[in-house]
Each structure stands twice: as structure tokens, then as C-alpha cells.
Amino acid sequence: MALDGVEVMQHLGYNQFRMVGHDRGGRVGRRMALDHPDKVMKLAVLDIIPAHYLYSHVNLDFVRAYPHWFNYLQPALGPETQLQMQTQQQLGRGGNDAQKEYLRHRSQLSMEHAMCEDYRASASVDLKIDEADIKAAKKIRCPLLTLWSATNRVNQIYDNLFGKKKASA
């Protein structure tokens, strides 16, 4: 995905660019910055922890808060079929036009499959790439901004990730 993003930016006439990403977009931005340091001038990631860290520091709180991370790893088309049924039910309940359009696209099995394949990659090929980067001491070289929501569950579960202490109420 990172190379695809770089190629799209080049197609649009940008040889260098700033990248902002949330969730998978943050992970893609991280990979862009690592693999294409000459392209990414600055990187901002929102509410994410690299998948390698998550998978190597799994705890019960994380599993309970994010069971889909593990459910989507099951062989195709089990999770995809389940997701498609849930999306069809949501679509049947209605909503505003934007929600209906989002769900209309999500209800396609190919969309659900692509999402599950993304999770499967994060737990397989992405981990191997990250392990090689860690072994090689590969680091993001551009300025990096990491932002966290105070109510993000990952932030609460891994509150010591960046050496920060949880603020007392």
C-alpha cells in the first residue's frame, strides 16, 4: 500500500509530500516514511501503534477491546461472510445518505475480503518486514507527529508505550 501511495502522489505530480494517516492510513504512512524517506517530508499518525508492537505485546485487555483484530485473521471467507451479513443488517436499518452509501460499498463481499486481507497481512508479511527493519535499526527520518485521543482504548491499554505516565483524575 505504501508504494501504491507513493506512485499515486508521483502520478499527481508530487515527488515529495507530507503524509497524515489514521488507523491503517497511519500504518501505511509509517511504511511510506521507512521505505521512501526521500518522498515523505513529514509524517503525522493519529491513534495508532505499529502492528508489530501490538502483536508482540498482546494482552487480555487488547483482545477484549479489539476482538476483530483476531477474528479477521481467520481463513477466508468466514469473517467476510459474517461482516457482509452485519453490513446488510445495518443497511436495512437506514441512516443518512452518507452512511447508506458507505454501507452500500461495504456490503460487497470483495470490500469485506480486502479489509480482512489487510488484517491478515498485518499479522504475517507486515510482521516479517517490521522484524527486518527492527533488526536493521531502520528508523523514520522525517519529522514525526504522533497524536492520541484521550479516550482511545489502545492509548489506555498501552499507556506506557512512549514512557508517559497516565494522568490522574
C-alpha atoms as a PDB file:
ATOM      1  CA  MET A   1       0.000   0.000   0.000  1.00  0.00           C
ATOM      2  CA  ALA A   2       2.856   2.382   0.744  1.00  0.00           C
ATOM      3  CA  LEU A   3       4.343   2.004  -2.730  1.00  0.00           C
ATOM      4  CA  ASP A   4       0.874   2.456  -4.249  1.00  0.00           C
ATOM      5  CA  GLY A   5       0.507   5.714  -2.336  1.00  0.00           C
ATOM      6  CA  VAL A   6       3.917   6.962  -3.464  1.00  0.00           C
ATOM      7  CA  GLU A   7       3.081   6.098  -7.061  1.00  0.00           C
ATOM      8  CA  VAL A   8      -0.259   7.909  -6.851  1.00  0.00           C
ATOM      9  CA  MET A   9       1.454  11.003  -5.476  1.00  0.00           C
ATOM     10  CA  GLN A  10       4.021  10.868  -8.300  1.00  0.00           C
ATOM     11  CA  HIS A  11       1.203  10.481 -10.823  1.00  0.00           C
ATOM     12  CA  LEU A  12      -0.383  13.620  -9.356  1.00  0.00           C
ATOM     13  CA  GLY A  13       2.913  15.465  -9.787  1.00  0.00           C
ATOM     14  CA  TYR A  14       4.278  15.281  -6.240  1.00  0.00           C
ATOM     15  CA  ASN A  15       7.781  13.896  -5.862  1.00  0.00           C
ATOM     16  CA  GLN A  16       7.768  14.775  -2.136  1.00  0.00           C
ATOM     17  CA  PHE A  17       4.810  15.203   0.171  1.00  0.00           C
ATOM     18  CA  ARG A  18       3.547  15.325   3.736  1.00  0.00           C
ATOM     19  CA  MET A  19       1.570  12.335   4.986  1.00  0.00           C
ATOM     20  CA  VAL A  20      -1.176  12.241   7.611  1.00  0.00           C
ATOM     21  CA  GLY A  21      -2.821   8.953   8.470  1.00  0.00           C
ATOM     22  CA  HIS A  22      -5.274   7.470  10.942  1.00  0.00           C
ATOM     23  CA  ASP A  23      -5.665   3.748  11.670  1.00  0.00           C
ATOM     24  CA  ARG A  24      -4.428   1.774   8.622  1.00  0.00           C
ATOM     25  CA  GLY A  25      -3.547   5.089   6.969  1.00  0.00           C
ATOM     26  CA  GLY A  26      -1.131   5.748   9.817  1.00  0.00           C
ATOM     27  CA  ARG A  27       0.465   2.352   9.321  1.00  0.00           C
ATOM     28  CA  VAL A  28       0.737   2.985   5.593  1.00  0.00           C
ATOM     29  CA  GLY A  29       2.276   6.403   6.291  1.00  0.00           C
ATOM     30  CA  ARG A  30       4.790   4.788   8.631  1.00  0.00           C
ATOM     31  CA  ARG A  31       5.741   2.276   5.936  1.00  0.00           C
ATOM     32  CA  MET A  32       5.996   5.095   3.361  1.00  0.00           C
ATOM     33  CA  ALA A  33       8.360   7.029   5.623  1.00  0.00           C
ATOM     34  CA  LEU A  34      10.512   3.959   6.272  1.00  0.00           C
ATOM     35  CA  ASP A  35      10.664   2.709   2.682  1.00  0.00           C
ATOM     36  CA  HIS A  36      10.618   6.045   0.851  1.00  0.00           C
ATOM     37  CA  PRO A  37      12.419   8.551   3.086  1.00  0.00           C
ATOM     38  CA  ASP A  38      13.206  10.728   0.070  1.00  0.00           C
ATOM     39  CA  LYS A  39       9.463  11.150  -0.609  1.00  0.00           C
ATOM     40  CA  VAL A  40       7.874  11.721   2.815  1.00  0.00           C
ATOM     41  CA  MET A  41       8.836  15.157   4.127  1.00  0.00           C
ATOM     42  CA  LYS A  42       6.769  14.972   7.333  1.00  0.00           C
ATOM     43  CA  LEU A  43       4.540  12.324   8.879  1.00  0.00           C
ATOM     44  CA  ALA A  44       1.633  12.609  11.307  1.00  0.00           C
ATOM     45  CA  VAL A  45      -0.070   9.493  12.665  1.00  0.00           C
ATOM     46  CA  LEU A  46      -3.251   9.533  14.711  1.00  0.00           C
ATOM     47  CA  ASP A  47      -4.308   6.951  17.304  1.00  0.00           C
ATOM     48  CA  ILE A  48      -2.140   4.078  16.123  1.00  0.00           C
ATOM     49  CA  ILE A  49       0.590   1.837  17.411  1.00  0.00           C
ATOM     50  CA  PRO A  50       2.656  -0.121  14.876  1.00  0.00           C
ATOM     51  CA  ALA A  51       1.149  -3.563  14.325  1.00  0.00           C
ATOM     52  CA  HIS A  52       4.431  -5.255  15.249  1.00  0.00           C
ATOM     53  CA  TYR A  53       4.292  -3.681  18.698  1.00  0.00           C
ATOM     54  CA  LEU A  54       0.648  -4.664  19.157  1.00  0.00           C
ATOM     55  CA  TYR A  55       1.170  -8.277  18.121  1.00  0.00           C
ATOM     56  CA  SER A  56       4.309  -8.632  20.235  1.00  0.00           C
ATOM     57  CA  HIS A  57       2.642  -7.071  23.303  1.00  0.00           C
ATOM     58  CA  VAL A  58      -0.849  -8.591  23.144  1.00  0.00           C
ATOM     59  CA  ASN A  59      -2.668  -8.653  26.443  1.00  0.00           C
ATOM     60  CA  LEU A  60      -6.148  -9.634  27.547  1.00  0.00           C
ATOM     61  CA  ASP A  61      -7.339  -6.012  27.647  1.00  0.00           C
ATOM     62  CA  PHE A  62      -6.413  -5.589  23.987  1.00  0.00           C
ATOM     63  CA  VAL A  63      -8.091  -8.849  22.932  1.00  0.00           C
ATOM     64  CA  ARG A  64     -11.298  -7.861  24.751  1.00  0.00           C
ATOM     65  CA  ALA A  65     -11.296  -4.323  23.335  1.00  0.00           C
ATOM     66  CA  TYR A  66     -10.420  -5.347  19.754  1.00  0.00           C
ATOM     67  CA  PRO A  67     -11.596  -8.911  19.088  1.00  0.00           C
ATOM     68  CA  HIS A  68     -11.934  -8.143  15.380  1.00  0.00           C
ATOM     69  CA  TRP A  69      -8.114  -7.953  15.079  1.00  0.00           C
ATOM     70  CA  PHE A  70      -8.075 -11.691  15.677  1.00  0.00           C
ATOM     71  CA  ASN A  71     -11.406 -12.658  14.118  1.00  0.00           C
ATOM     72  CA  TYR A  72     -10.417 -11.131  10.760  1.00  0.00           C
ATOM     73  CA  LEU A  73      -7.298 -13.333  10.711  1.00  0.00           C
ATOM     74  CA  GLN A  74      -9.445 -16.452  10.327  1.00  0.00           C
ATOM     75  CA  PRO A  75      -9.383 -18.099   6.885  1.00  0.00           C
ATOM     76  CA  ALA A  76     -11.430 -16.567   4.083  1.00  0.00           C
ATOM     77  CA  LEU A  77     -14.392 -16.341   3.664  1.00  0.00           C
ATOM     78  CA  GLY A  78     -15.519 -16.882   7.247  1.00  0.00           C
ATOM     79  CA  PRO A  79     -15.078 -13.366   8.621  1.00  0.00           C
ATOM     80  CA  GLU A  80     -16.006 -11.805   5.281  1.00  0.00           C
ATOM     81  CA  THR A  81     -19.367 -13.572   5.243  1.00  0.00           C
ATOM     82  CA  GLN A  82     -20.063 -12.549   8.836  1.00  0.00           C
ATOM     83  CA  LEU A  83     -19.135  -8.925   8.068  1.00  0.00           C
ATOM     84  CA  GLN A  84     -21.271  -8.891   4.944  1.00  0.00           C
ATOM     85  CA  MET A  85     -24.306 -10.066   6.930  1.00  0.00           C
ATOM     86  CA  GLN A  86     -23.709  -7.412   9.614  1.00  0.00           C
ATOM     87  CA  THR A  87     -23.344  -4.703   6.979  1.00  0.00           C
ATOM     88  CA  GLN A  88     -26.558  -5.821   5.247  1.00  0.00           C
ATOM     89  CA  GLN A  89     -28.373  -5.581   8.594  1.00  0.00           C
ATOM     90  CA  GLN A  90     -27.009  -2.066   9.180  1.00  0.00           C
ATOM     91  CA  LEU A  91     -28.009  -1.061   5.655  1.00  0.00           C
ATOM     92  CA  GLY A  92     -31.519  -2.330   6.333  1.00  0.00           C
ATOM     93  CA  ARG A  93     -31.800  -0.049   9.373  1.00  0.00           C
ATOM     94  CA  GLY A  94     -31.237   3.010   7.209  1.00  0.00           C
ATOM     95  CA  GLY A  95     -29.352   6.111   8.227  1.00  0.00           C
ATOM     96  CA  ASN A  96     -28.340   9.274   6.464  1.00  0.00           C
ATOM     97  CA  ASP A  97     -27.274   9.308   2.806  1.00  0.00           C
ATOM     98  CA  ALA A  98     -23.545   9.216   3.605  1.00  0.00           C
ATOM     99  CA  GLN A  99     -23.966   6.209   5.913  1.00  0.00           C
ATOM    100  CA  LYS A 100     -26.088   4.384   3.342  1.00  0.00           C
ATOM    101  CA  GLU A 101     -23.522   4.977   0.598  1.00  0.00           C
ATOM    102  CA  TYR A 102     -20.665   3.804   2.837  1.00  0.00           C
ATOM    103  CA  LEU A 103     -22.600   0.674   3.773  1.00  0.00           C
ATOM    104  CA  ARG A 104     -23.613   0.041   0.160  1.00  0.00           C
ATOM    105  CA  HIS A 105     -19.935  -0.241  -0.763  1.00  0.00           C
ATOM    106  CA  ARG A 106     -19.066  -2.178   2.389  1.00  0.00           C
ATOM    107  CA  SER A 107     -21.789  -4.725   1.664  1.00  0.00           C
ATOM    108  CA  GLN A 108     -19.836  -6.014  -1.332  1.00  0.00           C
ATOM    109  CA  LEU A 109     -18.031  -9.222  -0.421  1.00  0.00           C
ATOM    110  CA  SER A 110     -14.932  -8.010  -2.281  1.00  0.00           C
ATOM    111  CA  MET A 111     -14.716  -4.991   0.043  1.00  0.00           C
ATOM    112  CA  GLU A 112     -15.017  -7.125   3.167  1.00  0.00           C
ATOM    113  CA  HIS A 113     -12.426  -9.514   1.760  1.00  0.00           C
ATOM    114  CA  ALA A 114      -9.975  -6.679   1.073  1.00  0.00           C
ATOM    115  CA  MET A 115     -10.348  -5.438   4.651  1.00  0.00           C
ATOM    116  CA  CYS A 116      -9.763  -8.910   6.111  1.00  0.00           C
ATOM    117  CA  GLU A 117      -6.771  -9.452   3.831  1.00  0.00           C
ATOM    118  CA  ASP A 118      -5.313  -6.223   5.201  1.00  0.00           C
ATOM    119  CA  TYR A 119      -5.571  -7.613   8.741  1.00  0.00           C
ATOM    120  CA  ARG A 120      -4.129 -10.940   7.594  1.00  0.00           C
ATOM    121  CA  ALA A 121      -1.167  -9.132   6.025  1.00  0.00           C
ATOM    122  CA  SER A 122      -0.563  -7.152   9.228  1.00  0.00           C
ATOM    123  CA  ALA A 123      -0.172 -10.429  11.127  1.00  0.00           C
ATOM    124  CA  SER A 124       2.047 -12.119   8.556  1.00  0.00           C
ATOM    125  CA  VAL A 125       4.070 -10.384   5.841  1.00  0.00           C
ATOM    126  CA  ASP A 126       3.999  -6.982   7.573  1.00  0.00           C
ATOM    127  CA  LEU A 127       5.411  -8.528  10.754  1.00  0.00           C
ATOM    128  CA  LYS A 128       8.306 -10.050   8.823  1.00  0.00           C
ATOM    129  CA  ILE A 129       9.092  -6.705   7.175  1.00  0.00           C
ATOM    130  CA  ASP A 130       8.924  -4.933  10.538  1.00  0.00           C
ATOM    131  CA  GLU A 131      11.190  -7.533  12.159  1.00  0.00           C
ATOM    132  CA  ALA A 132      13.789  -6.971   9.434  1.00  0.00           C
ATOM    133  CA  ASP A 133      13.504  -3.192   9.965  1.00  0.00           C
ATOM    134  CA  ILE A 134      13.981  -3.595  13.718  1.00  0.00           C
ATOM    135  CA  LYS A 135      16.995  -5.851  13.213  1.00  0.00           C
ATOM    136  CA  ALA A 136      18.496  -3.303  10.781  1.00  0.00           C
ATOM    137  CA  ALA A 137      17.694  -0.437  13.208  1.00  0.00           C
ATOM    138  CA  LYS A 138      15.715   1.280  10.448  1.00  0.00           C
ATOM    139  CA  LYS A 139      14.077   4.471  11.714  1.00  0.00           C
ATOM    140  CA  ILE A 140      11.754   7.145  10.394  1.00  0.00           C
ATOM    141  CA  ARG A 141      13.995  10.029   9.394  1.00  0.00           C
ATOM    142  CA  CYS A 142      11.472  12.780   8.710  1.00  0.00           C
ATOM    143  CA  PRO A 143       9.770  14.880  11.396  1.00  0.00           C
ATOM    144  CA  LEU A 144       7.087  12.736  13.046  1.00  0.00           C
ATOM    145  CA  LEU A 145       3.989  13.854  14.940  1.00  0.00           C
ATOM    146  CA  THR A 146       2.082  11.229  16.911  1.00  0.00           C
ATOM    147  CA  LEU A 147      -1.308  12.249  18.290  1.00  0.00           C
ATOM    148  CA  TRP A 148      -3.523  10.310  20.676  1.00  0.00           C
ATOM    149  CA  SER A 149      -7.121  10.690  21.657  1.00  0.00           C
ATOM    150  CA  ALA A 150      -7.518  10.796  25.425  1.00  0.00           C
ATOM    151  CA  THR A 151     -10.337   8.231  25.127  1.00  0.00           C
ATOM    152  CA  ASN A 152      -8.642   5.857  22.668  1.00  0.00           C
ATOM    153  CA  ARG A 153      -8.686   2.310  24.094  1.00  0.00           C
ATOM    154  CA  VAL A 154      -5.276   1.448  22.632  1.00  0.00           C
ATOM    155  CA  ASN A 155      -3.864   4.518  24.357  1.00  0.00           C
ATOM    156  CA  GLN A 156      -5.401   3.392  27.641  1.00  0.00           C
ATOM    157  CA  ILE A 157      -4.163  -0.186  27.283  1.00  0.00           C
ATOM    158  CA  TYR A 158      -0.636   0.776  26.248  1.00  0.00           C
ATOM    159  CA  ASP A 159      -0.360   4.000  28.245  1.00  0.00           C
ATOM    160  CA  ASN A 160       3.345   3.490  28.889  1.00  0.00           C
ATOM    161  CA  LEU A 161       4.346   2.978  25.249  1.00  0.00           C
ATOM    162  CA  PHE A 162       6.137   6.293  24.965  1.00  0.00           C
ATOM    163  CA  GLY A 163       7.273   6.460  28.574  1.00  0.00           C
ATOM    164  CA  LYS A 164       4.304   8.603  29.567  1.00  0.00           C
ATOM    165  CA  LYS A 165       2.523   8.210  32.832  1.00  0.00           C
ATOM    166  CA  LYS A 166      -1.245   8.141  32.867  1.00  0.00           C
ATOM    167  CA  ALA A 167      -2.632  11.443  34.123  1.00  0.00           C
ATOM    168  CA  SER A 168      -4.512  11.077  37.377  1.00  0.00           C
ATOM    169  CA  ALA A 169      -8.041  12.422  37.508  1.00  0.00           C
END
